[in-house]
Amino acid sequence: MARSPGGGTGALSMSDLLVIGSPAPGFTAAASDGKTYTLADVLKHAHVALVFYPGNNTPG
């Protein structure tokens, strides 16, 4: 199975899935301004909406 840019395979087991409304796990992401942000740090200053969508060349 091909690896994603994040290093994963893209395959999840049912135990990896979050229930709708449950808290998001902590993560770090690079932003377009070149800075790196953690979810925990951003939540100290603002509300956050996480939106997921299929990437290019994926079904759905």
C-alpha atoms as a PDB file:
ATOM      1  CA  MET A   1       0.000   0.000   0.000  1.00  0.00           C
ATOM      2  CA  ALA A   2       1.356   3.454  -0.884  1.00  0.00           C
ATOM      3  CA  ARG A   3       2.335   5.789   1.923  1.00  0.00           C
ATOM      4  CA  SER A   4       0.706   9.187   2.315  1.00  0.00           C
ATOM      5  CA  PRO A   5       2.778  12.405   2.629  1.00  0.00           C
ATOM      6  CA  GLY A   6       2.333  12.166   6.401  1.00  0.00           C
ATOM      7  CA  GLY A   7       3.986   8.757   6.412  1.00  0.00           C
ATOM      8  CA  GLY A   8       0.884   6.655   7.008  1.00  0.00           C
ATOM      9  CA  THR A   9      -0.635   4.104   4.717  1.00  0.00           C
ATOM     10  CA  GLY A  10      -4.044   5.752   4.677  1.00  0.00           C
ATOM     11  CA  ALA A  11      -5.639   2.596   6.100  1.00  0.00           C
ATOM     12  CA  LEU A  12      -7.473   2.870   9.422  1.00  0.00           C
ATOM     13  CA  SER A  13      -9.019   0.227  11.605  1.00  0.00           C
ATOM     14  CA  MET A  14     -12.423   0.802  13.177  1.00  0.00           C
ATOM     15  CA  SER A  15     -10.723   1.404  16.546  1.00  0.00           C
ATOM     16  CA  ASP A  16      -8.832   4.361  14.993  1.00  0.00           C
ATOM     17  CA  LEU A  17     -12.009   6.231  14.019  1.00  0.00           C
ATOM     18  CA  LEU A  18     -13.423   9.028  16.176  1.00  0.00           C
ATOM     19  CA  VAL A  19     -17.053   9.236  17.167  1.00  0.00           C
ATOM     20  CA  ILE A  20     -18.769  12.387  15.875  1.00  0.00           C
ATOM     21  CA  GLY A  21     -18.545  15.064  18.562  1.00  0.00           C
ATOM     22  CA  SER A  22     -15.571  13.539  20.371  1.00  0.00           C
ATOM     23  CA  PRO A  23     -12.486  15.698  20.991  1.00  0.00           C
ATOM     24  CA  ALA A  24      -9.855  15.671  18.267  1.00  0.00           C
ATOM     25  CA  PRO A  25      -6.518  14.120  19.168  1.00  0.00           C
ATOM     26  CA  GLY A  26      -3.594  16.496  19.452  1.00  0.00           C
ATOM     27  CA  PHE A  27      -1.616  17.165  16.294  1.00  0.00           C
ATOM     28  CA  THR A  28       0.907  19.552  14.770  1.00  0.00           C
ATOM     29  CA  ALA A  29       0.501  21.057  11.299  1.00  0.00           C
ATOM     30  CA  ALA A  30       2.475  23.380   9.058  1.00  0.00           C
ATOM     31  CA  ALA A  31       0.545  26.433   7.873  1.00  0.00           C
ATOM     32  CA  SER A  32       0.803  28.488   4.700  1.00  0.00           C
ATOM     33  CA  ASP A  33       2.624  31.221   6.676  1.00  0.00           C
ATOM     34  CA  GLY A  34       5.534  28.808   7.195  1.00  0.00           C
ATOM     35  CA  LYS A  35       4.887  28.412  10.927  1.00  0.00           C
ATOM     36  CA  THR A  36       4.063  25.176  12.722  1.00  0.00           C
ATOM     37  CA  TYR A  37       1.000  25.100  14.962  1.00  0.00           C
ATOM     38  CA  THR A  38      -0.330  22.590  17.471  1.00  0.00           C
ATOM     39  CA  LEU A  39      -4.035  22.133  18.027  1.00  0.00           C
ATOM     40  CA  ALA A  40      -3.556  22.686  21.769  1.00  0.00           C
ATOM     41  CA  ASP A  41      -1.838  26.058  21.248  1.00  0.00           C
ATOM     42  CA  VAL A  42      -4.464  27.324  18.804  1.00  0.00           C
ATOM     43  CA  LEU A  43      -7.298  26.260  21.130  1.00  0.00           C
ATOM     44  CA  LYS A  44      -5.846  28.547  23.829  1.00  0.00           C
ATOM     45  CA  HIS A  45      -6.691  31.567  21.649  1.00  0.00           C
ATOM     46  CA  ALA A  46      -9.544  30.612  19.322  1.00  0.00           C
ATOM     47  CA  HIS A  47     -12.272  28.137  18.477  1.00  0.00           C
ATOM     48  CA  VAL A  48     -11.310  25.593  15.848  1.00  0.00           C
ATOM     49  CA  ALA A  49     -13.398  23.810  13.223  1.00  0.00           C
ATOM     50  CA  LEU A  50     -11.718  20.790  11.667  1.00  0.00           C
ATOM     51  CA  VAL A  51     -12.984  19.968   8.198  1.00  0.00           C
ATOM     52  CA  PHE A  52     -11.922  16.833   6.358  1.00  0.00           C
ATOM     53  CA  TYR A  53     -12.386  16.215   2.668  1.00  0.00           C
ATOM     54  CA  PRO A  54     -11.041  13.700   0.166  1.00  0.00           C
ATOM     55  CA  GLY A  55      -7.792  14.717  -1.478  1.00  0.00           C
ATOM     56  CA  ASN A  56      -7.170  14.796  -5.200  1.00  0.00           C
ATOM     57  CA  ASN A  57      -7.496  11.521  -7.042  1.00  0.00           C
ATOM     58  CA  THR A  58      -9.457   9.815  -4.272  1.00  0.00           C
ATOM     59  CA  PRO A  59     -12.956   8.394  -4.549  1.00  0.00           C
ATOM     60  CA  GLY A  60     -15.623  10.246  -2.624  1.00  0.00           C
END
